[in-house]
């Protein structure tokens, strides 16, 4: 098991805030002062092999791994 110290947790908070700002701008929110809007890349012809691709929820995956570790130790 590991602990997130102050330095890395601050970095994670900064990245989360920056990503939330990008998401708001992509959704049509106001752009920052003097900053251009982010550009969202969209495939013109999607790859047919990726048609059924389903991204995983990493938070859920980590939670399952954590619970599996706990139950295997009990």
PDB file of N, CA and C in Angstrom:
ATOM      1  N   UNK A   1       0.845  -1.178   0.000  1.00  0.00           N
ATOM      2  CA  UNK A   1       0.000   0.000   0.000  1.00  0.00           C
ATOM      3  C   UNK A   1       0.890   1.240   0.000  1.00  0.00           C
ATOM      4  N   UNK A   2       0.440   2.306  -0.586  1.00  0.00           N
ATOM      5  CA  UNK A   2       1.241   3.513  -0.664  1.00  0.00           C
ATOM      6  C   UNK A   2       0.424   4.723  -0.229  1.00  0.00           C
ATOM      7  N   UNK A   3       1.126   5.795   0.075  1.00  0.00           N
ATOM      8  CA  UNK A   3       0.491   7.041   0.492  1.00  0.00           C
ATOM      9  C   UNK A   3       0.919   8.150  -0.464  1.00  0.00           C
ATOM     10  N   UNK A   4      -0.020   8.994  -0.816  1.00  0.00           N
ATOM     11  CA  UNK A   4       0.317  10.131  -1.660  1.00  0.00           C
ATOM     12  C   UNK A   4       0.761  11.265  -0.754  1.00  0.00           C
ATOM     13  N   UNK A   5       1.979  11.735  -0.966  1.00  0.00           N
ATOM     14  CA  UNK A   5       2.500  12.822  -0.149  1.00  0.00           C
ATOM     15  C   UNK A   5       2.011  14.159  -0.684  1.00  0.00           C
ATOM     16  N   UNK A   6       2.334  15.221  -0.002  1.00  0.00           N
ATOM     17  CA  UNK A   6       1.848  16.552  -0.345  1.00  0.00           C
ATOM     18  C   UNK A   6       2.251  16.983  -1.750  1.00  0.00           C
ATOM     19  N   UNK A   7       3.496  16.720  -2.145  1.00  0.00           N
ATOM     20  CA  UNK A   7       3.981  17.131  -3.469  1.00  0.00           C
ATOM     21  C   UNK A   7       3.186  16.513  -4.604  1.00  0.00           C
ATOM     22  N   UNK A   8       3.117  15.174  -4.671  1.00  0.00           N
ATOM     23  CA  UNK A   8       2.353  14.552  -5.751  1.00  0.00           C
ATOM     24  C   UNK A   8       0.863  14.884  -5.708  1.00  0.00           C
ATOM     25  N   UNK A   9       0.275  14.997  -4.518  1.00  0.00           N
ATOM     26  CA  UNK A   9      -1.154  15.304  -4.454  1.00  0.00           C
ATOM     27  C   UNK A   9      -1.422  16.712  -4.970  1.00  0.00           C
ATOM     28  N   UNK A  10      -0.475  17.625  -4.754  1.00  0.00           N
ATOM     29  CA  UNK A  10      -0.617  18.980  -5.283  1.00  0.00           C
ATOM     30  C   UNK A  10      -0.549  18.955  -6.809  1.00  0.00           C
ATOM     31  N   UNK A  11       0.356  18.160  -7.347  1.00  0.00           N
ATOM     32  CA  UNK A  11       0.486  18.017  -8.790  1.00  0.00           C
ATOM     33  C   UNK A  11      -0.794  17.434  -9.390  1.00  0.00           C
ATOM     34  N   UNK A  12      -1.341  16.422  -8.749  1.00  0.00           N
ATOM     35  CA  UNK A  12      -2.591  15.815  -9.223  1.00  0.00           C
ATOM     36  C   UNK A  12      -3.715  16.850  -9.204  1.00  0.00           C
ATOM     37  N   UNK A  13      -3.797  17.642  -8.148  1.00  0.00           N
ATOM     38  CA  UNK A  13      -4.837  18.678  -8.057  1.00  0.00           C
ATOM     39  C   UNK A  13      -4.672  19.715  -9.165  1.00  0.00           C
ATOM     40  N   UNK A  14      -3.434  20.105  -9.462  1.00  0.00           N
ATOM     41  CA  UNK A  14      -3.191  21.074 -10.536  1.00  0.00           C
ATOM     42  C   UNK A  14      -3.608  20.506 -11.885  1.00  0.00           C
ATOM     43  N   UNK A  15      -3.268  19.251 -12.141  1.00  0.00           N
ATOM     44  CA  UNK A  15      -3.627  18.613 -13.412  1.00  0.00           C
ATOM     45  C   UNK A  15      -5.135  18.467 -13.539  1.00  0.00           C
ATOM     46  N   UNK A  16      -5.793  18.109 -12.443  1.00  0.00           N
ATOM     47  CA  UNK A  16      -7.245  17.957 -12.468  1.00  0.00           C
ATOM     48  C   UNK A  16      -7.912  19.296 -12.788  1.00  0.00           C
ATOM     49  N   UNK A  17      -7.436  20.370 -12.154  1.00  0.00           N
ATOM     50  CA  UNK A  17      -7.988  21.702 -12.400  1.00  0.00           C
ATOM     51  C   UNK A  17      -7.772  22.116 -13.851  1.00  0.00           C
ATOM     52  N   UNK A  18      -6.572  21.881 -14.371  1.00  0.00           N
ATOM     53  CA  UNK A  18      -6.274  22.242 -15.761  1.00  0.00           C
ATOM     54  C   UNK A  18      -7.160  21.452 -16.719  1.00  0.00           C
ATOM     55  N   UNK A  19      -7.345  20.159 -16.456  1.00  0.00           N
ATOM     56  CA  UNK A  19      -8.179  19.337 -17.336  1.00  0.00           C
ATOM     57  C   UNK A  19      -9.640  19.782 -17.275  1.00  0.00           C
ATOM     58  N   UNK A  20     -10.127  20.143 -16.101  1.00  0.00           N
ATOM     59  CA  UNK A  20     -11.501  20.631 -15.982  1.00  0.00           C
ATOM     60  C   UNK A  20     -11.689  21.913 -16.782  1.00  0.00           C
ATOM     61  N   UNK A  21     -10.687  22.779 -16.799  1.00  0.00           N
ATOM     62  CA  UNK A  21     -10.773  24.006 -17.589  1.00  0.00           C
ATOM     63  C   UNK A  21     -10.842  23.686 -19.077  1.00  0.00           C
ATOM     64  N   UNK A  22     -10.042  22.724 -19.525  1.00  0.00           N
ATOM     65  CA  UNK A  22     -10.075  22.321 -20.937  1.00  0.00           C
ATOM     66  C   UNK A  22     -11.453  21.757 -21.282  1.00  0.00           C
ATOM     67  N   UNK A  23     -11.993  20.922 -20.419  1.00  0.00           N
ATOM     68  CA  UNK A  23     -13.312  20.342 -20.675  1.00  0.00           C
ATOM     69  C   UNK A  23     -14.381  21.429 -20.755  1.00  0.00           C
ATOM     70  N   UNK A  24     -14.325  22.418 -19.867  1.00  0.00           N
ATOM     71  CA  UNK A  24     -15.297  23.510 -19.903  1.00  0.00           C
ATOM     72  C   UNK A  24     -15.178  24.287 -21.205  1.00  0.00           C
ATOM     73  N   UNK A  25     -13.961  24.544 -21.649  1.00  0.00           N
ATOM     74  CA  UNK A  25     -13.760  25.278 -22.894  1.00  0.00           C
ATOM     75  C   UNK A  25     -14.250  24.470 -24.092  1.00  0.00           C
ATOM     76  N   UNK A  26     -14.032  23.162 -24.080  1.00  0.00           N
ATOM     77  CA  UNK A  26     -14.516  22.317 -25.168  1.00  0.00           C
ATOM     78  C   UNK A  26     -16.039  22.285 -25.201  1.00  0.00           C
ATOM     79  N   UNK A  27     -16.656  22.401 -24.033  1.00  0.00           N
ATOM     80  CA  UNK A  27     -18.119  22.397 -23.949  1.00  0.00           C
ATOM     81  C   UNK A  27     -18.730  23.754 -24.286  1.00  0.00           C
ATOM     82  N   UNK A  28     -17.894  24.722 -24.660  1.00  0.00           N
ATOM     83  CA  UNK A  28     -18.413  26.025 -25.069  1.00  0.00           C
ATOM     84  C   UNK A  28     -18.302  27.098 -24.010  1.00  0.00           C
ATOM     85  N   UNK A  29     -17.606  26.817 -22.923  1.00  0.00           N
ATOM     86  CA  UNK A  29     -17.407  27.823 -21.884  1.00  0.00           C
ATOM     87  C   UNK A  29     -16.442  28.892 -22.350  1.00  0.00           C
ATOM     88  N   UNK A  30     -16.248  29.925 -21.536  1.00  0.00           N
ATOM     89  CA  UNK A  30     -15.359  31.021 -21.941  1.00  0.00           C
ATOM     90  C   UNK A  30     -13.896  30.585 -22.003  1.00  0.00           C
ATOM     91  N   UNK A  31     -13.181  31.074 -22.994  1.00  0.00           N
ATOM     92  CA  UNK A  31     -11.746  30.812 -23.098  1.00  0.00           C
ATOM     93  C   UNK A  31     -11.023  31.718 -22.112  1.00  0.00           C
ATOM     94  N   UNK A  32      -9.814  31.331 -21.743  1.00  0.00           N
ATOM     95  CA  UNK A  32      -9.031  32.137 -20.818  1.00  0.00           C
ATOM     96  C   UNK A  32      -8.624  33.461 -21.444  1.00  0.00           C
ATOM     97  N   UNK A  33      -8.178  34.385 -20.620  1.00  0.00           N
ATOM     98  CA  UNK A  33      -7.775  35.708 -21.101  1.00  0.00           C
ATOM     99  C   UNK A  33      -6.595  35.586 -22.053  1.00  0.00           C
ATOM    100  N   UNK A  34      -6.801  35.969 -23.311  1.00  0.00           N
ATOM    101  CA  UNK A  34      -5.727  35.949 -24.291  1.00  0.00           C
ATOM    102  C   UNK A  34      -5.269  34.553 -24.702  1.00  0.00           C
ATOM    103  N   UNK A  35      -5.950  33.544 -24.261  1.00  0.00           N
ATOM    104  CA  UNK A  35      -5.571  32.171 -24.601  1.00  0.00           C
ATOM    105  C   UNK A  35      -6.515  31.629 -25.670  1.00  0.00           C
ATOM    106  N   UNK A  36      -5.978  30.905 -26.628  1.00  0.00           N
ATOM    107  CA  UNK A  36      -6.859  30.312 -27.643  1.00  0.00           C
ATOM    108  C   UNK A  36      -7.643  29.134 -27.062  1.00  0.00           C
ATOM    109  N   UNK A  37      -8.740  28.839 -27.695  1.00  0.00           N
ATOM    110  CA  UNK A  37      -9.532  27.678 -27.276  1.00  0.00           C
ATOM    111  C   UNK A  37      -8.775  26.399 -27.626  1.00  0.00           C
ATOM    112  N   UNK A  38      -8.974  25.324 -26.859  1.00  0.00           N
ATOM    113  CA  UNK A  38      -8.337  24.053 -27.204  1.00  0.00           C
ATOM    114  C   UNK A  38      -8.946  23.492 -28.491  1.00  0.00           C
ATOM    115  N   UNK A  39      -8.164  22.745 -29.223  1.00  0.00           N
ATOM    116  CA  UNK A  39      -8.631  22.125 -30.461  1.00  0.00           C
ATOM    117  C   UNK A  39      -8.901  20.658 -30.166  1.00  0.00           C
ATOM    118  N   UNK A  40     -10.095  20.208 -30.519  1.00  0.00           N
ATOM    119  CA  UNK A  40     -10.449  18.815 -30.287  1.00  0.00           C
ATOM    120  C   UNK A  40     -10.293  18.048 -31.596  1.00  0.00           C
ATOM    121  N   UNK A  41      -9.502  16.991 -31.559  1.00  0.00           N
ATOM    122  CA  UNK A  41      -9.266  16.169 -32.740  1.00  0.00           C
ATOM    123  C   UNK A  41     -10.378  15.149 -32.875  1.00  0.00           C
ATOM    124  N   UNK A  42     -10.943  15.053 -34.069  1.00  0.00           N
ATOM    125  CA  UNK A  42     -11.982  14.063 -34.350  1.00  0.00           C
ATOM    126  C   UNK A  42     -11.603  13.348 -35.642  1.00  0.00           C
ATOM    127  N   UNK A  43     -11.595  12.036 -35.614  1.00  0.00           N
ATOM    128  CA  UNK A  43     -11.285  11.242 -36.805  1.00  0.00           C
ATOM    129  C   UNK A  43     -12.353  11.466 -37.871  1.00  0.00           C
ATOM    130  N   UNK A  44     -11.907  11.708 -39.089  1.00  0.00           N
ATOM    131  CA  UNK A  44     -12.862  11.851 -40.198  1.00  0.00           C
ATOM    132  C   UNK A  44     -13.385  10.492 -40.627  1.00  0.00           C
ATOM    133  N   UNK A  45     -12.507   9.521 -40.670  1.00  0.00           N
ATOM    134  CA  UNK A  45     -12.917   8.150 -41.007  1.00  0.00           C
ATOM    135  C   UNK A  45     -12.457   7.249 -39.874  1.00  0.00           C
ATOM    136  N   UNK A  46     -13.349   6.940 -38.947  1.00  0.00           N
ATOM    137  CA  UNK A  46     -12.975   6.110 -37.803  1.00  0.00           C
ATOM    138  C   UNK A  46     -12.482   4.726 -38.236  1.00  0.00           C
ATOM    139  N   UNK A  47     -11.562   4.194 -37.465  1.00  0.00           N
ATOM    140  CA  UNK A  47     -11.023   2.867 -37.726  1.00  0.00           C
ATOM    141  C   UNK A  47     -12.105   1.830 -37.430  1.00  0.00           C
ATOM    142  N   UNK A  48     -12.460   0.980 -38.386  1.00  0.00           N
ATOM    143  CA  UNK A  48     -13.523  -0.012 -38.155  1.00  0.00           C
ATOM    144  C   UNK A  48     -13.175  -1.012 -37.051  1.00  0.00           C
ATOM    145  N   UNK A  49     -11.869  -1.246 -36.814  1.00  0.00           N
ATOM    146  CA  UNK A  49     -11.484  -2.178 -35.741  1.00  0.00           C
ATOM    147  C   UNK A  49     -11.847  -1.637 -34.364  1.00  0.00           C
ATOM    148  N   UNK A  50     -11.984  -0.315 -34.264  1.00  0.00           N
ATOM    149  CA  UNK A  50     -12.291   0.300 -32.964  1.00  0.00           C
ATOM    150  C   UNK A  50     -13.782   0.549 -32.764  1.00  0.00           C
ATOM    151  N   UNK A  51     -14.593   0.029 -33.667  1.00  0.00           N
ATOM    152  CA  UNK A  51     -16.033   0.276 -33.612  1.00  0.00           C
ATOM    153  C   UNK A  51     -16.652  -0.153 -32.277  1.00  0.00           C
ATOM    154  N   UNK A  52     -16.228  -1.282 -31.743  1.00  0.00           N
ATOM    155  CA  UNK A  52     -16.800  -1.795 -30.491  1.00  0.00           C
ATOM    156  C   UNK A  52     -15.926  -1.512 -29.275  1.00  0.00           C
ATOM    157  N   UNK A  53     -14.963  -0.594 -29.426  1.00  0.00           N
ATOM    158  CA  UNK A  53     -14.061  -0.266 -28.330  1.00  0.00           C
ATOM    159  C   UNK A  53     -14.832   0.388 -27.179  1.00  0.00           C
ATOM    160  N   UNK A  54     -14.598  -0.102 -25.982  1.00  0.00           N
ATOM    161  CA  UNK A  54     -15.211   0.465 -24.782  1.00  0.00           C
ATOM    162  C   UNK A  54     -14.075   0.816 -23.816  1.00  0.00           C
ATOM    163  N   UNK A  55     -13.878   2.105 -23.511  1.00  0.00           N
ATOM    164  CA  UNK A  55     -12.814   2.470 -22.577  1.00  0.00           C
ATOM    165  C   UNK A  55     -13.140   1.966 -21.172  1.00  0.00           C
ATOM    166  N   UNK A  56     -12.094   1.694 -20.401  1.00  0.00           N
ATOM    167  CA  UNK A  56     -12.331   1.240 -19.027  1.00  0.00           C
ATOM    168  C   UNK A  56     -12.288   2.433 -18.083  1.00  0.00           C
ATOM    169  N   UNK A  57     -12.962   2.288 -16.975  1.00  0.00           N
ATOM    170  CA  UNK A  57     -12.936   3.291 -15.915  1.00  0.00           C
ATOM    171  C   UNK A  57     -11.799   2.909 -14.982  1.00  0.00           C
ATOM    172  N   UNK A  58     -10.687   3.663 -15.057  1.00  0.00           N
ATOM    173  CA  UNK A  58      -9.516   3.311 -14.254  1.00  0.00           C
ATOM    174  C   UNK A  58      -9.783   3.383 -12.761  1.00  0.00           C
ATOM    175  N   UNK A  59     -10.601   4.334 -12.334  1.00  0.00           N
ATOM    176  CA  UNK A  59     -10.926   4.414 -10.907  1.00  0.00           C
ATOM    177  C   UNK A  59     -11.626   3.141 -10.442  1.00  0.00           C
ATOM    178  N   UNK A  60     -12.564   2.662 -11.239  1.00  0.00           N
ATOM    179  CA  UNK A  60     -13.274   1.431 -10.897  1.00  0.00           C
ATOM    180  C   UNK A  60     -12.329   0.239 -10.924  1.00  0.00           C
ATOM    181  N   UNK A  61     -11.434   0.191 -11.917  1.00  0.00           N
ATOM    182  CA  UNK A  61     -10.485  -0.904 -12.016  1.00  0.00           C
ATOM    183  C   UNK A  61      -9.569  -0.950 -10.796  1.00  0.00           C
ATOM    184  N   UNK A  62      -9.039   0.223 -10.397  1.00  0.00           N
ATOM    185  CA  UNK A  62      -8.174   0.276  -9.217  1.00  0.00           C
ATOM    186  C   UNK A  62      -8.938  -0.128  -7.963  1.00  0.00           C
ATOM    187  N   UNK A  63     -10.201   0.281  -7.872  1.00  0.00           N
ATOM    188  CA  UNK A  63     -11.011  -0.102  -6.705  1.00  0.00           C
ATOM    189  C   UNK A  63     -11.179  -1.619  -6.657  1.00  0.00           C
ATOM    190  N   UNK A  64     -11.425  -2.231  -7.803  1.00  0.00           N
ATOM    191  CA  UNK A  64     -11.563  -3.693  -7.842  1.00  0.00           C
ATOM    192  C   UNK A  64     -10.259  -4.382  -7.457  1.00  0.00           C
ATOM    193  N   UNK A  65      -9.139  -3.857  -7.932  1.00  0.00           N
ATOM    194  CA  UNK A  65      -7.835  -4.432  -7.576  1.00  0.00           C
ATOM    195  C   UNK A  65      -7.588  -4.322  -6.077  1.00  0.00           C
ATOM    196  N   UNK A  66      -7.919  -3.170  -5.517  1.00  0.00           N
ATOM    197  CA  UNK A  66      -7.739  -2.934  -4.089  1.00  0.00           C
ATOM    198  C   UNK A  66      -8.587  -3.905  -3.270  1.00  0.00           C
ATOM    199  N   UNK A  67      -9.855  -4.048  -3.638  1.00  0.00           N
ATOM    200  CA  UNK A  67     -10.737  -4.966  -2.918  1.00  0.00           C
ATOM    201  C   UNK A  67     -10.291  -6.415  -3.066  1.00  0.00           C
ATOM    202  N   UNK A  68      -9.816  -6.773  -4.239  1.00  0.00           N
ATOM    203  CA  UNK A  68      -9.327  -8.140  -4.442  1.00  0.00           C
ATOM    204  C   UNK A  68      -8.126  -8.426  -3.546  1.00  0.00           C
ATOM    205  N   UNK A  69      -7.228  -7.436  -3.413  1.00  0.00           N
ATOM    206  CA  UNK A  69      -6.070  -7.599  -2.536  1.00  0.00           C
ATOM    207  C   UNK A  69      -6.493  -7.765  -1.077  1.00  0.00           C
ATOM    208  N   UNK A  70      -7.475  -6.966  -0.676  1.00  0.00           N
ATOM    209  CA  UNK A  70      -7.952  -7.044   0.714  1.00  0.00           C
ATOM    210  C   UNK A  70      -8.579  -8.411   0.988  1.00  0.00           C
ATOM    211  N   UNK A  71      -9.427  -8.863   0.094  1.00  0.00           N
ATOM    212  CA  UNK A  71     -10.105 -10.146   0.323  1.00  0.00           C
ATOM    213  C   UNK A  71      -9.147 -11.330   0.250  1.00  0.00           C
ATOM    214  N   UNK A  72      -8.091 -11.228  -0.574  1.00  0.00           N
ATOM    215  CA  UNK A  72      -7.146 -12.333  -0.661  1.00  0.00           C
ATOM    216  C   UNK A  72      -6.257 -12.415   0.585  1.00  0.00           C
ATOM    217  N   UNK A  73      -6.095 -11.287   1.288  1.00  0.00           N
ATOM    218  CA  UNK A  73      -5.270 -11.276   2.500  1.00  0.00           C
ATOM    219  C   UNK A  73      -6.049 -11.722   3.720  1.00  0.00           C
ATOM    220  N   UNK A  74      -7.353 -11.691   3.667  1.00  0.00           N
ATOM    221  CA  UNK A  74      -8.180 -12.065   4.837  1.00  0.00           C
ATOM    222  C   UNK A  74      -8.318 -13.533   4.990  1.00  0.00           C
TER     223      UNK A  74
END
